[in-house]
Amino acid sequence: MSKIKLAMVGGGPTAFIGAVHRIAMRIDDRFELVAGALDVDATRGRAFAATLGIAPDRTYDSYQELIDREALRPDRVDAVVIVTPNFLHYPVAKAALTAGFDVICEKPMTTTLEDAEALAALVETTGRRFVLTHTYTGYPMVRQARQMVAAGELGKLRRVEVEYLQDWLASPVETTGAEGAVWRTDPKKAGAGGAIGDVGTHAWNLAAFVAGEEPTHLLAELSTLVGGRRVDDDAAILLRYASGAKGSILASQVLPGNGNNVSFRIYGDKAGLEWWQEKPEELWFTRLGEPRQILHRNGAGATAAAIAGSRVPAAHPEGYLEAFANLYRDAADLIAGQAAAGVLPSARDGVSGSRFVEACLKSNAAGNLWTEIG
């Protein structure tokens, strides 16, 4: 089977997430990175591309040059991976889709709802494949939780709680020139949402993925706890579902002691589930009136979804990179025409994330009022 040829835009030597994408795409040996426009500094980008084994004639100084020249090659790439700051997601994806390339894009899909809706419409009209890398949907036990909820094992849904807590922005590190902090706290580059756009959209997507439904209304209190910062860095959000269920999202990047603390708790009238990314291979399941069970990835009680997302036997640890690789493995099947999108996050999820951010901003501006989403 021939490998799927990729080009990468962004993801240069200082980009954490670019390295994660490159590792994830290699784990199952389905992809080959053959082209790139890796850095806003063209000289630095070319030097870095050489260390990745990308040929000089397929190393480009801008995303537009990459797309224009790759489109003319008989051995053109199959898909473009976008790992730039947020404000470039829309123009790069638009250009790639228009030129006939499939797209694998970091979240959030765009910085505005208008652009998200336009991009989703373009995906439909071009017929190209679009994958949004909401990492946490790749964890086997998260996929098992989704399957258990869908099978009715929790009963009627009552409450969905998701937290995404970090501490790396607890001080004004953007003033020191830290590259990732500089653009993430600049509304022109990150979008109007700070923590809600960066980690809140992950929490929103995780809640919808596991519950199998999206809230209809929210109430958001957004705070900027570090003086001088131009975007929110802490958010508390209440959720209402059409089914009558309630929920909440806590999204913060300023809480000491939280490196990357992602978790969910979901409860029905028959049972509850709990999961923490710091113990990603465990899913806690408690039926009403019974002792808590700890279900393990690929162990006794694992569902088909968890088993399909596993590579090694139970008790042989898997984690973040393997979860990310599950998205790439599913993307490979999609791009190769071997499978439908299934549970892969898509442009529709990107629109949903933008609607979430917009509703949070509206609710907060109105004095923390309940606001319809969408």
Protein backbone atom coordinates (compact mmCIF):
# COMPACT_ATOMS: atom_id res chain seq x y z
CA MET A 1 0.00 0.00 0.00
CA SER A 2 1.46 3.37 -0.99
CA LYS A 3 1.82 5.98 1.71
CA ILE A 4 -0.29 9.13 1.80
CA LYS A 5 1.88 12.13 0.93
CA LEU A 6 1.59 15.14 3.23
CA ALA A 7 2.66 18.77 3.21
CA MET A 8 2.86 20.71 6.45
CA VAL A 9 2.22 24.42 6.94
CA GLY A 10 3.66 25.71 10.22
CA GLY A 11 5.12 23.37 12.82
CA GLY A 12 8.64 24.78 12.78
CA PRO A 13 11.45 24.08 15.26
CA THR A 14 9.80 25.92 18.17
CA ALA A 15 6.28 24.53 17.65
CA PHE A 16 5.31 21.84 20.17
CA ILE A 17 2.20 20.73 18.30
CA GLY A 18 4.03 20.41 14.99
CA ALA A 19 6.34 17.81 16.50
CA VAL A 20 3.34 15.95 17.93
CA HIS A 21 1.70 15.79 14.50
CA ARG A 22 4.89 14.48 12.90
CA ILE A 23 5.27 11.73 15.50
CA ALA A 24 1.59 10.77 15.30
CA MET A 25 1.58 10.51 11.51
CA ARG A 26 4.55 8.11 11.63
CA ILE A 27 3.32 5.68 14.30
CA ASP A 28 1.28 3.51 11.94
CA ASP A 29 3.50 4.16 8.89
CA ARG A 30 0.61 5.34 6.71
CA PHE A 31 1.96 8.81 5.85
CA GLU A 32 5.04 10.43 4.40
CA LEU A 33 5.87 14.10 4.99
CA VAL A 34 7.32 15.26 1.67
CA ALA A 35 6.72 19.03 1.52
CA GLY A 36 6.43 21.99 3.82
CA ALA A 37 6.32 25.70 4.50
CA LEU A 38 7.33 25.31 8.11
CA ASP A 39 8.17 28.72 9.50
CA VAL A 40 7.36 32.40 9.05
CA ASP A 41 11.15 32.84 8.92
CA ALA A 42 11.86 31.23 5.54
CA THR A 43 15.56 30.67 6.24
CA ARG A 44 14.82 28.95 9.53
CA GLY A 45 12.04 26.97 7.90
CA ARG A 46 14.29 25.70 5.11
CA ALA A 47 17.01 24.69 7.54
CA PHE A 48 14.50 22.82 9.68
CA ALA A 49 12.93 21.11 6.66
CA ALA A 50 16.34 19.72 5.77
CA THR A 51 16.58 18.05 9.18
CA LEU A 52 13.25 16.35 8.46
CA GLY A 53 14.46 15.01 5.14
CA ILE A 54 12.23 17.25 3.01
CA ALA A 55 13.81 17.91 -0.37
CA PRO A 56 14.86 21.51 -1.12
CA ASP A 57 12.58 21.71 -4.16
CA ARG A 58 9.60 20.87 -1.94
CA THR A 59 10.50 23.31 0.82
CA TYR A 60 8.56 26.53 0.37
CA ASP A 61 8.72 30.03 1.79
CA SER A 62 4.94 30.52 2.15
CA TYR A 63 1.76 28.46 2.24
CA GLN A 64 0.57 29.98 -1.03
CA GLU A 65 3.78 29.02 -2.81
CA LEU A 66 3.43 25.50 -1.43
CA ILE A 67 -0.14 25.10 -2.65
CA ASP A 68 0.48 26.71 -6.05
CA ARG A 69 3.56 24.64 -6.83
CA GLU A 70 2.36 21.35 -5.36
CA ALA A 71 -0.84 21.63 -7.39
CA LEU A 72 1.25 21.54 -10.58
CA ARG A 73 3.36 18.51 -9.68
CA PRO A 74 2.46 15.07 -11.05
CA ASP A 75 3.48 13.65 -7.66
CA ARG A 76 1.56 16.29 -5.71
CA VAL A 77 0.78 15.76 -2.05
CA ASP A 78 -2.53 14.22 -1.04
CA ALA A 79 -3.25 16.43 1.96
CA VAL A 80 -2.07 19.57 3.74
CA VAL A 81 -1.51 19.58 7.51
CA ILE A 82 -2.11 22.99 9.13
CA VAL A 83 -0.33 23.64 12.43
CA THR A 84 -0.04 27.42 12.36
CA PRO A 85 -1.35 30.00 14.83
CA ASN A 86 -5.14 30.20 14.73
CA PHE A 87 -5.52 33.22 12.45
CA LEU A 88 -3.92 31.36 9.54
CA HIS A 89 -6.11 28.25 9.72
CA TYR A 90 -8.86 29.71 7.54
CA PRO A 91 -6.80 31.17 4.66
CA VAL A 92 -4.53 28.13 4.45
CA ALA A 93 -7.40 25.63 4.58
CA LYS A 94 -9.41 27.64 2.05
CA ALA A 95 -6.51 27.72 -0.39
CA ALA A 96 -5.77 24.01 0.07
CA LEU A 97 -9.37 22.89 -0.39
CA THR A 98 -9.83 25.12 -3.43
CA ALA A 99 -6.73 23.57 -5.00
CA GLY A 100 -8.15 20.08 -4.44
CA PHE A 101 -6.17 18.97 -1.40
CA ASP A 102 -7.57 17.21 1.66
CA VAL A 103 -6.87 19.00 4.95
CA ILE A 104 -5.82 17.98 8.46
CA CYS A 105 -6.12 21.07 10.66
CA GLU A 106 -5.37 22.02 14.23
CA LYS A 107 -8.21 23.40 16.32
CA PRO A 108 -9.87 25.83 16.55
CA MET A 109 -10.82 25.61 12.89
CA THR A 110 -11.02 29.40 12.50
CA THR A 111 -11.04 32.54 14.65
CA THR A 112 -14.60 33.58 13.74
CA LEU A 113 -17.93 31.84 13.28
CA GLU A 114 -18.36 33.46 9.87
CA ASP A 115 -15.11 31.92 8.63
CA ALA A 116 -15.97 28.55 10.18
CA GLU A 117 -19.30 28.40 8.37
CA ALA A 118 -17.68 29.47 5.10
CA LEU A 119 -14.99 26.79 5.44
CA ALA A 120 -17.52 24.07 6.24
CA ALA A 121 -19.51 25.08 3.15
CA LEU A 122 -16.32 24.90 1.06
CA VAL A 123 -15.64 21.37 2.34
CA GLU A 124 -19.11 20.39 1.11
CA THR A 125 -18.81 22.03 -2.31
CA THR A 126 -15.29 20.73 -3.02
CA GLY A 127 -15.99 17.24 -1.71
CA ARG A 128 -12.59 17.18 -0.01
CA ARG A 129 -11.90 15.49 3.32
CA PHE A 130 -11.35 17.72 6.34
CA VAL A 131 -10.10 16.46 9.72
CA LEU A 132 -9.95 18.66 12.82
CA THR A 133 -7.48 17.31 15.36
CA HIS A 134 -9.38 17.32 18.65
CA THR A 135 -6.85 15.00 20.25
CA TYR A 136 -8.85 13.71 23.17
CA THR A 137 -11.37 11.94 20.96
CA GLY A 138 -8.54 9.59 19.98
CA TYR A 139 -8.11 8.04 23.42
CA PRO A 140 -9.42 4.46 23.49
CA MET A 141 -11.20 4.90 26.84
CA VAL A 142 -12.82 8.14 25.71
CA ARG A 143 -14.15 6.25 22.69
CA GLN A 144 -15.32 3.50 25.04
CA ALA A 145 -17.17 6.07 27.17
CA ARG A 146 -18.93 7.39 24.07
CA GLN A 147 -19.92 3.84 23.11
CA MET A 148 -21.23 3.07 26.60
CA VAL A 149 -23.33 6.24 26.73
CA ALA A 150 -24.76 5.53 23.27
CA ALA A 151 -25.63 1.98 24.36
CA GLY A 152 -27.69 3.36 27.23
CA GLU A 153 -25.51 1.99 30.03
CA LEU A 154 -25.81 5.25 31.97
CA GLY A 155 -29.56 5.58 31.45
CA LYS A 156 -31.14 9.00 30.96
CA LEU A 157 -28.40 11.65 30.89
CA ARG A 158 -28.33 13.94 33.93
CA ARG A 159 -25.03 15.81 34.06
CA VAL A 160 -21.86 16.32 31.98
CA GLU A 161 -18.80 17.90 33.63
CA VAL A 162 -15.56 18.64 31.75
CA GLU A 163 -12.44 20.39 33.02
CA TYR A 164 -9.37 21.52 31.09
CA LEU A 165 -6.93 23.17 33.48
CA GLN A 166 -3.39 24.44 32.86
CA ASP A 167 -0.93 26.74 34.64
CA TRP A 168 1.53 27.79 31.94
CA LEU A 169 -0.08 31.24 31.55
CA ALA A 170 -0.38 31.89 35.31
CA SER A 171 2.15 34.72 34.93
CA PRO A 172 2.55 37.19 32.03
CA VAL A 173 4.97 34.97 30.10
CA GLU A 174 3.91 36.63 26.85
CA THR A 175 5.89 39.70 27.93
CA THR A 176 9.08 37.61 27.93
CA GLY A 177 8.70 36.79 24.24
CA ALA A 178 7.64 33.17 24.73
CA GLU A 179 6.45 32.42 21.20
CA GLY A 180 3.45 30.23 21.98
CA ALA A 181 2.22 32.64 24.65
CA VAL A 182 2.66 35.74 22.48
CA TRP A 183 0.25 34.72 19.74
CA ARG A 184 -2.18 32.90 22.05
CA THR A 185 -2.75 36.11 24.02
CA ASP A 186 -3.07 38.31 20.91
CA PRO A 187 -6.74 38.50 19.84
CA LYS A 188 -5.69 39.30 16.27
CA LYS A 189 -3.88 35.96 16.01
CA ALA A 190 -5.72 33.71 18.48
CA GLY A 191 -9.23 35.09 18.03
CA ALA A 192 -11.42 36.87 20.56
CA GLY A 193 -11.46 33.87 22.88
CA GLY A 194 -8.35 33.15 24.94
CA ALA A 195 -8.68 30.12 27.21
CA ILE A 196 -12.12 29.37 25.75
CA GLY A 197 -10.64 29.16 22.26
CA ASP A 198 -7.42 27.37 23.15
CA VAL A 199 -8.56 24.75 25.68
CA GLY A 200 -12.27 25.49 26.05
CA THR A 201 -12.99 24.26 22.53
CA HIS A 202 -11.31 20.96 23.42
CA ALA A 203 -13.51 20.67 26.51
CA TRP A 204 -16.63 21.54 24.49
CA ASN A 205 -15.78 18.95 21.86
CA LEU A 206 -15.01 16.31 24.49
CA ALA A 207 -18.34 16.92 26.22
CA ALA A 208 -20.28 16.58 22.97
CA PHE A 209 -18.26 13.56 21.83
CA VAL A 210 -18.89 11.52 24.96
CA ALA A 211 -22.48 12.63 25.60
CA GLY A 212 -23.55 12.23 21.99
CA GLU A 213 -25.41 15.54 22.06
CA GLU A 214 -24.58 19.23 22.28
CA PRO A 215 -25.99 21.72 24.78
CA THR A 216 -28.51 24.26 23.49
CA HIS A 217 -27.74 27.08 25.96
CA LEU A 218 -24.85 28.23 28.11
CA LEU A 219 -23.99 30.80 30.75
CA ALA A 220 -20.36 31.93 30.75
CA GLU A 221 -18.23 33.90 33.18
CA LEU A 222 -14.94 34.78 31.51
CA SER A 223 -12.08 36.28 33.52
CA THR A 224 -8.69 37.75 32.77
CA LEU A 225 -6.74 37.05 35.94
CA VAL A 226 -3.29 38.13 34.72
CA GLY A 227 -3.07 41.90 34.53
CA GLY A 228 -2.62 43.47 31.10
CA ARG A 229 -3.66 40.36 29.20
CA ARG A 230 -5.98 41.03 26.24
CA VAL A 231 -7.96 37.77 26.24
CA ASP A 232 -9.67 35.62 28.86
CA ASP A 233 -7.47 33.15 30.71
CA ASP A 234 -10.09 31.56 33.00
CA ALA A 235 -13.66 30.49 32.24
CA ALA A 236 -16.55 28.91 34.13
CA ILE A 237 -19.45 27.82 31.92
CA LEU A 238 -22.82 26.27 32.75
CA LEU A 239 -24.62 24.15 30.15
CA ARG A 240 -28.21 23.17 29.41
CA TYR A 241 -29.28 20.32 27.13
CA ALA A 242 -32.55 19.87 25.25
CA SER A 243 -32.94 16.51 27.00
CA GLY A 244 -33.04 18.25 30.38
CA ALA A 245 -29.48 17.34 31.33
CA LYS A 246 -27.18 19.94 32.86
CA GLY A 247 -23.44 20.40 32.65
CA SER A 248 -20.42 22.62 33.12
CA ILE A 249 -17.04 23.38 31.62
CA LEU A 250 -14.07 24.78 33.53
CA ALA A 251 -11.33 26.02 31.21
CA SER A 252 -8.34 27.80 32.70
CA GLN A 253 -4.68 28.37 31.92
CA VAL A 254 -3.73 30.13 35.16
CA LEU A 255 -4.17 27.52 37.93
CA PRO A 256 -0.85 26.47 39.55
CA GLY A 257 -0.37 22.74 39.80
CA ASN A 258 -2.19 21.92 36.58
CA GLY A 259 0.12 21.07 33.72
CA ASN A 260 -2.52 19.72 31.36
CA ASN A 261 -5.33 18.44 33.54
CA VAL A 262 -8.14 17.19 31.29
CA SER A 263 -11.03 15.21 32.73
CA PHE A 264 -14.72 14.45 32.37
CA ARG A 265 -17.49 13.08 34.54
CA ILE A 266 -20.80 12.08 33.00
CA TYR A 267 -23.82 10.79 34.89
CA GLY A 268 -27.17 9.27 34.01
CA ASP A 269 -29.95 7.95 36.21
CA LYS A 270 -28.43 4.44 36.16
CA ALA A 271 -24.65 4.93 36.24
CA GLY A 272 -21.71 7.31 35.94
CA LEU A 273 -18.36 7.46 34.12
CA GLU A 274 -15.17 9.32 35.06
CA TRP A 275 -11.93 9.77 33.08
CA TRP A 276 -8.69 11.70 33.58
CA GLN A 277 -6.05 12.23 30.91
CA GLU A 278 -3.34 11.75 33.54
CA LYS A 279 -4.62 8.15 33.86
CA PRO A 280 -5.76 7.74 30.26
CA GLU A 281 -5.98 3.95 30.25
CA GLU A 282 -8.57 3.87 33.03
CA LEU A 283 -12.30 4.56 32.85
CA TRP A 284 -14.19 4.56 36.15
CA PHE A 285 -17.69 3.11 35.85
CA THR A 286 -20.18 3.06 38.71
CA ARG A 287 -23.67 1.61 38.50
CA LEU A 288 -26.16 3.01 40.98
CA GLY A 289 -25.90 1.03 44.22
CA GLU A 290 -22.87 -1.00 43.11
CA PRO A 291 -19.10 -0.74 43.75
CA ARG A 292 -17.02 1.33 41.36
CA GLN A 293 -15.29 -0.58 38.55
CA ILE A 294 -12.05 0.51 36.92
CA LEU A 295 -12.12 -0.50 33.26
CA HIS A 296 -8.78 -0.73 31.44
CA ARG A 297 -7.81 -0.15 27.84
CA ASN A 298 -7.72 -3.48 26.02
CA GLY A 299 -8.57 -5.30 29.24
CA ALA A 300 -11.62 -7.14 30.53
CA GLY A 301 -14.68 -5.03 29.85
CA ALA A 302 -13.09 -3.08 27.00
CA THR A 303 -15.54 -2.31 24.20
CA ALA A 304 -14.91 -2.67 20.48
CA ALA A 305 -14.16 1.05 20.21
CA ALA A 306 -11.43 0.86 22.87
CA ILE A 307 -9.92 -2.31 21.42
CA ALA A 308 -9.82 -0.83 17.92
CA GLY A 309 -7.92 2.19 19.28
CA SER A 310 -5.29 0.08 21.05
CA ARG A 311 -1.96 -1.13 19.67
CA VAL A 312 -0.49 -3.16 22.53
CA PRO A 313 -1.96 -5.44 25.23
CA ALA A 314 -3.39 -4.10 28.48
CA ALA A 315 -0.76 -3.07 31.08
CA HIS A 316 1.59 -1.95 28.30
CA PRO A 317 1.08 1.83 28.57
CA GLU A 318 -0.25 3.96 25.74
CA GLY A 319 -0.93 7.69 25.97
CA TYR A 320 -1.15 11.06 24.27
CA LEU A 321 0.89 10.30 21.16
CA GLU A 322 -0.99 7.08 20.48
CA ALA A 323 -4.32 8.90 20.91
CA PHE A 324 -3.16 11.49 18.40
CA ALA A 325 -2.02 8.69 16.11
CA ASN A 326 -5.53 7.22 16.22
CA LEU A 327 -6.78 10.39 14.56
CA TYR A 328 -4.12 10.03 11.88
CA ARG A 329 -4.90 6.34 11.38
CA ASP A 330 -8.59 7.15 10.94
CA ALA A 331 -7.65 10.04 8.65
CA ALA A 332 -5.57 7.67 6.53
CA ASP A 333 -8.57 5.37 6.07
CA LEU A 334 -10.74 8.36 5.18
CA ILE A 335 -8.30 9.88 2.68
CA ALA A 336 -7.62 6.48 1.10
CA GLY A 337 -11.36 5.95 0.67
CA GLN A 338 -11.30 2.87 2.90
CA ALA A 339 -13.73 4.17 5.53
CA ALA A 340 -16.23 6.91 6.28
CA ALA A 341 -15.38 9.71 8.70
CA GLY A 342 -16.89 7.80 11.63
CA VAL A 343 -15.95 9.51 14.90
CA LEU A 344 -13.27 11.75 13.36
CA PRO A 345 -13.75 15.44 14.22
CA SER A 346 -14.77 17.29 11.06
CA ALA A 347 -15.55 20.77 9.77
CA ARG A 348 -18.94 20.47 11.45
CA ASP A 349 -17.15 20.15 14.77
CA GLY A 350 -15.14 23.24 13.87
CA VAL A 351 -18.35 25.22 13.34
CA SER A 352 -19.68 23.90 16.63
CA GLY A 353 -16.55 25.07 18.44
CA SER A 354 -16.87 28.54 16.92
CA ARG A 355 -20.51 28.73 17.99
CA PHE A 356 -19.44 27.78 21.50
CA VAL A 357 -16.83 30.56 21.64
CA GLU A 358 -19.26 33.14 20.24
CA ALA A 359 -21.97 32.16 22.73
CA CYS A 360 -19.48 32.40 25.61
CA LEU A 361 -18.43 35.90 24.53
CA LYS A 362 -22.07 37.00 24.16
CA SER A 363 -23.08 35.58 27.54
CA ASN A 364 -20.17 37.18 29.33
CA ALA A 365 -20.70 40.57 27.65
CA ALA A 366 -24.38 40.52 28.62
CA GLY A 367 -23.55 40.09 32.29
CA ASN A 368 -23.35 36.30 32.44
CA LEU A 369 -26.80 35.57 31.03
CA TRP A 370 -28.10 32.29 29.60
CA THR A 371 -27.43 32.42 25.86
CA GLU A 372 -28.61 30.22 23.00
CA ILE A 373 -25.82 28.42 21.17
CA GLY A 374 -25.87 28.68 17.40
